[in-house]
Amino acid sequence: MSMRLPDAPYGLVIRTNRTDNDAWETVVGLIHAGIAELAELYPGQEPHPLLTFVDDPGFYELSPDQARVLIDEDQDWEQHGTVFLADFETMTAPGRTLLAVTGHSGDDDAGARWYFRLRPAAVGQVHLALSTKMSFAEFVEDVGDDGVYRY
């Protein structure tokens, strides 16, 4: 695979589907609203889950498996151990859920689940928790029967 994750100092939200620009803008707005809500929960501490939004045609049609390979090849495992994909389901389904994907190096044990869906408003909270104290597996434990993490 010749592509690489963007050289960005922040967590990545990658648009992988180009079907609907308005849907993408809605998702970005919902993620920002979730970050603002998170900041209200911790007044004075101002948590800033720093995210880079990637809308690059080179990543359109990127599959979760391909994203996982890119994560494993990335030099900044601490920052890019998990990426959030805005895929076809994000752009077309009413809940606008994104796909959180972690690399092989993030597996806590063999056969661990390496992806789950989450609401846009939860992206900031999940990214912040993953970059500070929680493991990917801990979030997987809270995924509902429908495959979506809800906090």
C-alpha atoms as a PDB file:
ATOM      1  CA  MET A   1       0.000   0.000   0.000  1.00  0.00           C
ATOM      2  CA  SER A   2       1.580   3.279  -1.058  1.00  0.00           C
ATOM      3  CA  MET A   3      -0.564   5.733   0.911  1.00  0.00           C
ATOM      4  CA  ARG A   4       0.281   6.883   4.419  1.00  0.00           C
ATOM      5  CA  LEU A   5      -1.641   8.498   7.216  1.00  0.00           C
ATOM      6  CA  PRO A   6      -1.363  12.286   7.107  1.00  0.00           C
ATOM      7  CA  ASP A   7       1.525  13.731   9.079  1.00  0.00           C
ATOM      8  CA  ALA A   8      -0.636  15.375  11.714  1.00  0.00           C
ATOM      9  CA  PRO A   9       0.020  15.931  15.415  1.00  0.00           C
ATOM     10  CA  TYR A  10      -3.614  15.213  16.287  1.00  0.00           C
ATOM     11  CA  GLY A  11      -6.076  12.332  16.124  1.00  0.00           C
ATOM     12  CA  LEU A  12      -7.526  11.638  12.685  1.00  0.00           C
ATOM     13  CA  VAL A  13     -11.102  11.708  11.431  1.00  0.00           C
ATOM     14  CA  ILE A  14     -10.863  10.502   7.835  1.00  0.00           C
ATOM     15  CA  ARG A  15     -13.601  10.889   5.253  1.00  0.00           C
ATOM     16  CA  THR A  16     -13.659   7.695   3.194  1.00  0.00           C
ATOM     17  CA  ASN A  17     -16.905   8.289   1.301  1.00  0.00           C
ATOM     18  CA  ARG A  18     -17.674  11.207  -0.982  1.00  0.00           C
ATOM     19  CA  THR A  19     -21.382  10.628  -1.555  1.00  0.00           C
ATOM     20  CA  ASP A  20     -22.676  13.644   0.365  1.00  0.00           C
ATOM     21  CA  ASN A  21     -20.795  16.854   1.199  1.00  0.00           C
ATOM     22  CA  ASP A  22     -23.652  18.112   3.381  1.00  0.00           C
ATOM     23  CA  ALA A  23     -23.531  14.894   5.422  1.00  0.00           C
ATOM     24  CA  TRP A  24     -19.770  15.345   5.924  1.00  0.00           C
ATOM     25  CA  GLU A  25     -20.293  18.915   7.150  1.00  0.00           C
ATOM     26  CA  THR A  26     -23.034  17.684   9.488  1.00  0.00           C
ATOM     27  CA  VAL A  27     -20.739  15.000  10.921  1.00  0.00           C
ATOM     28  CA  VAL A  28     -17.919  17.505  11.482  1.00  0.00           C
ATOM     29  CA  GLY A  29     -20.396  19.834  13.227  1.00  0.00           C
ATOM     30  CA  LEU A  30     -21.671  17.007  15.452  1.00  0.00           C
ATOM     31  CA  ILE A  31     -18.116  16.087  16.432  1.00  0.00           C
ATOM     32  CA  HIS A  32     -17.385  19.715  17.351  1.00  0.00           C
ATOM     33  CA  ALA A  33     -20.645  19.866  19.352  1.00  0.00           C
ATOM     34  CA  GLY A  34     -19.556  16.749  21.268  1.00  0.00           C
ATOM     35  CA  ILE A  35     -16.216  18.379  22.071  1.00  0.00           C
ATOM     36  CA  ALA A  36     -17.999  21.503  23.305  1.00  0.00           C
ATOM     37  CA  GLU A  37     -20.261  19.350  25.485  1.00  0.00           C
ATOM     38  CA  LEU A  38     -17.198  17.595  26.889  1.00  0.00           C
ATOM     39  CA  ALA A  39     -15.646  20.961  27.773  1.00  0.00           C
ATOM     40  CA  GLU A  40     -18.832  21.917  29.661  1.00  0.00           C
ATOM     41  CA  LEU A  41     -18.557  18.751  31.762  1.00  0.00           C
ATOM     42  CA  TYR A  42     -15.081  19.759  32.928  1.00  0.00           C
ATOM     43  CA  PRO A  43     -15.208  23.517  33.514  1.00  0.00           C
ATOM     44  CA  GLY A  44     -11.840  25.036  34.215  1.00  0.00           C
ATOM     45  CA  GLN A  45      -9.999  22.033  32.828  1.00  0.00           C
ATOM     46  CA  GLU A  46     -10.987  22.677  29.223  1.00  0.00           C
ATOM     47  CA  PRO A  47     -10.303  19.222  27.766  1.00  0.00           C
ATOM     48  CA  HIS A  48      -9.247  19.615  24.160  1.00  0.00           C
ATOM     49  CA  PRO A  49      -9.463  16.404  22.187  1.00  0.00           C
ATOM     50  CA  LEU A  50      -7.426  17.632  19.273  1.00  0.00           C
ATOM     51  CA  LEU A  51      -8.560  16.170  15.975  1.00  0.00           C
ATOM     52  CA  THR A  52      -7.506  16.603  12.364  1.00  0.00           C
ATOM     53  CA  PHE A  53     -10.302  16.284   9.804  1.00  0.00           C
ATOM     54  CA  VAL A  54      -9.057  14.661   6.598  1.00  0.00           C
ATOM     55  CA  ASP A  55     -11.118  15.208   3.446  1.00  0.00           C
ATOM     56  CA  ASP A  56      -8.658  13.988   0.838  1.00  0.00           C
ATOM     57  CA  PRO A  57      -9.760  12.066  -2.277  1.00  0.00           C
ATOM     58  CA  GLY A  58      -6.750   9.785  -1.750  1.00  0.00           C
ATOM     59  CA  PHE A  59      -8.606   8.284   1.236  1.00  0.00           C
ATOM     60  CA  TYR A  60     -11.995   7.863  -0.423  1.00  0.00           C
ATOM     61  CA  GLU A  61     -12.924   4.173  -0.455  1.00  0.00           C
ATOM     62  CA  LEU A  62     -10.342   3.396   2.268  1.00  0.00           C
ATOM     63  CA  SER A  63     -11.527   0.193   3.929  1.00  0.00           C
ATOM     64  CA  PRO A  64     -11.242  -0.549   7.659  1.00  0.00           C
ATOM     65  CA  ASP A  65      -8.680  -3.265   6.840  1.00  0.00           C
ATOM     66  CA  GLN A  66      -6.588  -0.793   4.831  1.00  0.00           C
ATOM     67  CA  ALA A  67      -6.855   1.766   7.641  1.00  0.00           C
ATOM     68  CA  ARG A  68      -5.596  -0.835  10.079  1.00  0.00           C
ATOM     69  CA  VAL A  69      -2.537  -1.473   7.913  1.00  0.00           C
ATOM     70  CA  LEU A  70      -1.861   2.282   7.731  1.00  0.00           C
ATOM     71  CA  ILE A  71      -2.123   2.542  11.515  1.00  0.00           C
ATOM     72  CA  ASP A  72       0.394  -0.263  11.929  1.00  0.00           C
ATOM     73  CA  GLU A  73       2.787   1.390   9.473  1.00  0.00           C
ATOM     74  CA  ASP A  74       2.491   4.816  11.114  1.00  0.00           C
ATOM     75  CA  GLN A  75       5.445   6.081  13.109  1.00  0.00           C
ATOM     76  CA  ASP A  76       3.333   7.889  15.709  1.00  0.00           C
ATOM     77  CA  TRP A  77       1.514   4.992  17.380  1.00  0.00           C
ATOM     78  CA  GLU A  78       0.727   7.093  20.465  1.00  0.00           C
ATOM     79  CA  GLN A  79      -1.209   9.627  18.391  1.00  0.00           C
ATOM     80  CA  HIS A  80      -2.624   7.466  15.615  1.00  0.00           C
ATOM     81  CA  GLY A  81      -3.278   4.149  17.351  1.00  0.00           C
ATOM     82  CA  THR A  82      -6.956   4.665  16.519  1.00  0.00           C
ATOM     83  CA  VAL A  83      -8.479   6.525  13.585  1.00  0.00           C
ATOM     84  CA  PHE A  84     -12.112   7.444  13.000  1.00  0.00           C
ATOM     85  CA  LEU A  85     -13.564   6.747   9.556  1.00  0.00           C
ATOM     86  CA  ALA A  86     -16.502   8.613   8.070  1.00  0.00           C
ATOM     87  CA  ASP A  87     -17.604   5.857   5.697  1.00  0.00           C
ATOM     88  CA  PHE A  88     -20.647   5.078   3.559  1.00  0.00           C
ATOM     89  CA  GLU A  89     -22.781   4.323   6.620  1.00  0.00           C
ATOM     90  CA  THR A  90     -21.725   7.622   8.201  1.00  0.00           C
ATOM     91  CA  MET A  91     -22.889   9.520   5.148  1.00  0.00           C
ATOM     92  CA  THR A  92     -26.131   7.639   4.545  1.00  0.00           C
ATOM     93  CA  ALA A  93     -27.540   6.234   7.803  1.00  0.00           C
ATOM     94  CA  PRO A  94     -29.632   8.422  10.117  1.00  0.00           C
ATOM     95  CA  GLY A  95     -27.316   8.046  13.146  1.00  0.00           C
ATOM     96  CA  ARG A  96     -24.247   9.235  11.199  1.00  0.00           C
ATOM     97  CA  THR A  97     -22.081   6.812  13.207  1.00  0.00           C
ATOM     98  CA  LEU A  98     -18.366   6.696  12.450  1.00  0.00           C
ATOM     99  CA  LEU A  99     -16.098   3.681  12.578  1.00  0.00           C
ATOM    100  CA  ALA A 100     -13.285   3.648  15.168  1.00  0.00           C
ATOM    101  CA  VAL A 101     -10.437   1.418  13.969  1.00  0.00           C
ATOM    102  CA  THR A 102      -7.301   0.414  15.861  1.00  0.00           C
ATOM    103  CA  GLY A 103      -4.158  -1.265  14.585  1.00  0.00           C
ATOM    104  CA  HIS A 104      -2.806  -4.744  15.240  1.00  0.00           C
ATOM    105  CA  SER A 105      -0.478  -3.303  17.853  1.00  0.00           C
ATOM    106  CA  GLY A 106      -3.521  -2.169  19.792  1.00  0.00           C
ATOM    107  CA  ASP A 107      -4.862  -5.669  20.336  1.00  0.00           C
ATOM    108  CA  ASP A 108      -5.001  -6.534  24.018  1.00  0.00           C
ATOM    109  CA  ASP A 109      -5.219 -10.202  23.127  1.00  0.00           C
ATOM    110  CA  ALA A 110      -5.476 -12.420  20.081  1.00  0.00           C
ATOM    111  CA  GLY A 111      -8.855 -12.199  18.415  1.00  0.00           C
ATOM    112  CA  ALA A 112      -9.719  -8.880  20.055  1.00  0.00           C
ATOM    113  CA  ARG A 113     -12.241  -6.753  18.223  1.00  0.00           C
ATOM    114  CA  TRP A 114     -10.429  -3.954  16.405  1.00  0.00           C
ATOM    115  CA  TYR A 115     -13.307  -1.698  15.351  1.00  0.00           C
ATOM    116  CA  PHE A 116     -16.652  -0.360  16.542  1.00  0.00           C
ATOM    117  CA  ARG A 117     -19.125   2.301  15.523  1.00  0.00           C
ATOM    118  CA  LEU A 118     -19.778   5.411  17.577  1.00  0.00           C
ATOM    119  CA  ARG A 119     -21.910   8.522  17.432  1.00  0.00           C
ATOM    120  CA  PRO A 120     -20.153  11.663  16.167  1.00  0.00           C
ATOM    121  CA  ALA A 121     -20.665  13.377  19.528  1.00  0.00           C
ATOM    122  CA  ALA A 122     -18.592  10.622  21.201  1.00  0.00           C
ATOM    123  CA  VAL A 123     -15.523  10.914  18.956  1.00  0.00           C
ATOM    124  CA  GLY A 124     -13.830  13.600  21.069  1.00  0.00           C
ATOM    125  CA  GLN A 125     -14.483  11.766  24.333  1.00  0.00           C
ATOM    126  CA  VAL A 126     -13.222   8.437  22.974  1.00  0.00           C
ATOM    127  CA  HIS A 127     -10.129  10.016  21.410  1.00  0.00           C
ATOM    128  CA  LEU A 128      -9.307  11.853  24.638  1.00  0.00           C
ATOM    129  CA  ALA A 129      -9.765   8.716  26.762  1.00  0.00           C
ATOM    130  CA  LEU A 130      -7.677   6.577  24.392  1.00  0.00           C
ATOM    131  CA  SER A 131      -4.865   9.128  24.442  1.00  0.00           C
ATOM    132  CA  THR A 132      -4.773   9.300  28.222  1.00  0.00           C
ATOM    133  CA  LYS A 133      -5.806   6.182  30.092  1.00  0.00           C
ATOM    134  CA  MET A 134      -8.262   3.763  28.499  1.00  0.00           C
ATOM    135  CA  SER A 135      -7.642   0.924  26.099  1.00  0.00           C
ATOM    136  CA  PHE A 136      -9.558   0.234  22.924  1.00  0.00           C
ATOM    137  CA  ALA A 137     -10.802  -3.032  24.451  1.00  0.00           C
ATOM    138  CA  GLU A 138     -12.487  -1.117  27.283  1.00  0.00           C
ATOM    139  CA  PHE A 139     -14.636   0.731  24.763  1.00  0.00           C
ATOM    140  CA  VAL A 140     -15.420  -2.478  22.888  1.00  0.00           C
ATOM    141  CA  GLU A 141     -16.856  -3.870  26.143  1.00  0.00           C
ATOM    142  CA  ASP A 142     -19.440  -1.063  26.123  1.00  0.00           C
ATOM    143  CA  VAL A 143     -20.556  -1.581  22.524  1.00  0.00           C
ATOM    144  CA  GLY A 144     -24.252  -2.404  22.295  1.00  0.00           C
ATOM    145  CA  ASP A 145     -25.851  -5.319  20.467  1.00  0.00           C
ATOM    146  CA  ASP A 146     -26.183  -3.046  17.440  1.00  0.00           C
ATOM    147  CA  GLY A 147     -22.374  -2.599  17.293  1.00  0.00           C
ATOM    148  CA  VAL A 148     -22.473   1.050  18.404  1.00  0.00           C
ATOM    149  CA  TYR A 149     -20.680   2.486  21.427  1.00  0.00           C
ATOM    150  CA  ARG A 150     -22.891   4.837  23.432  1.00  0.00           C
ATOM    151  CA  TYR A 151     -21.826   6.842  26.431  1.00  0.00           C
END
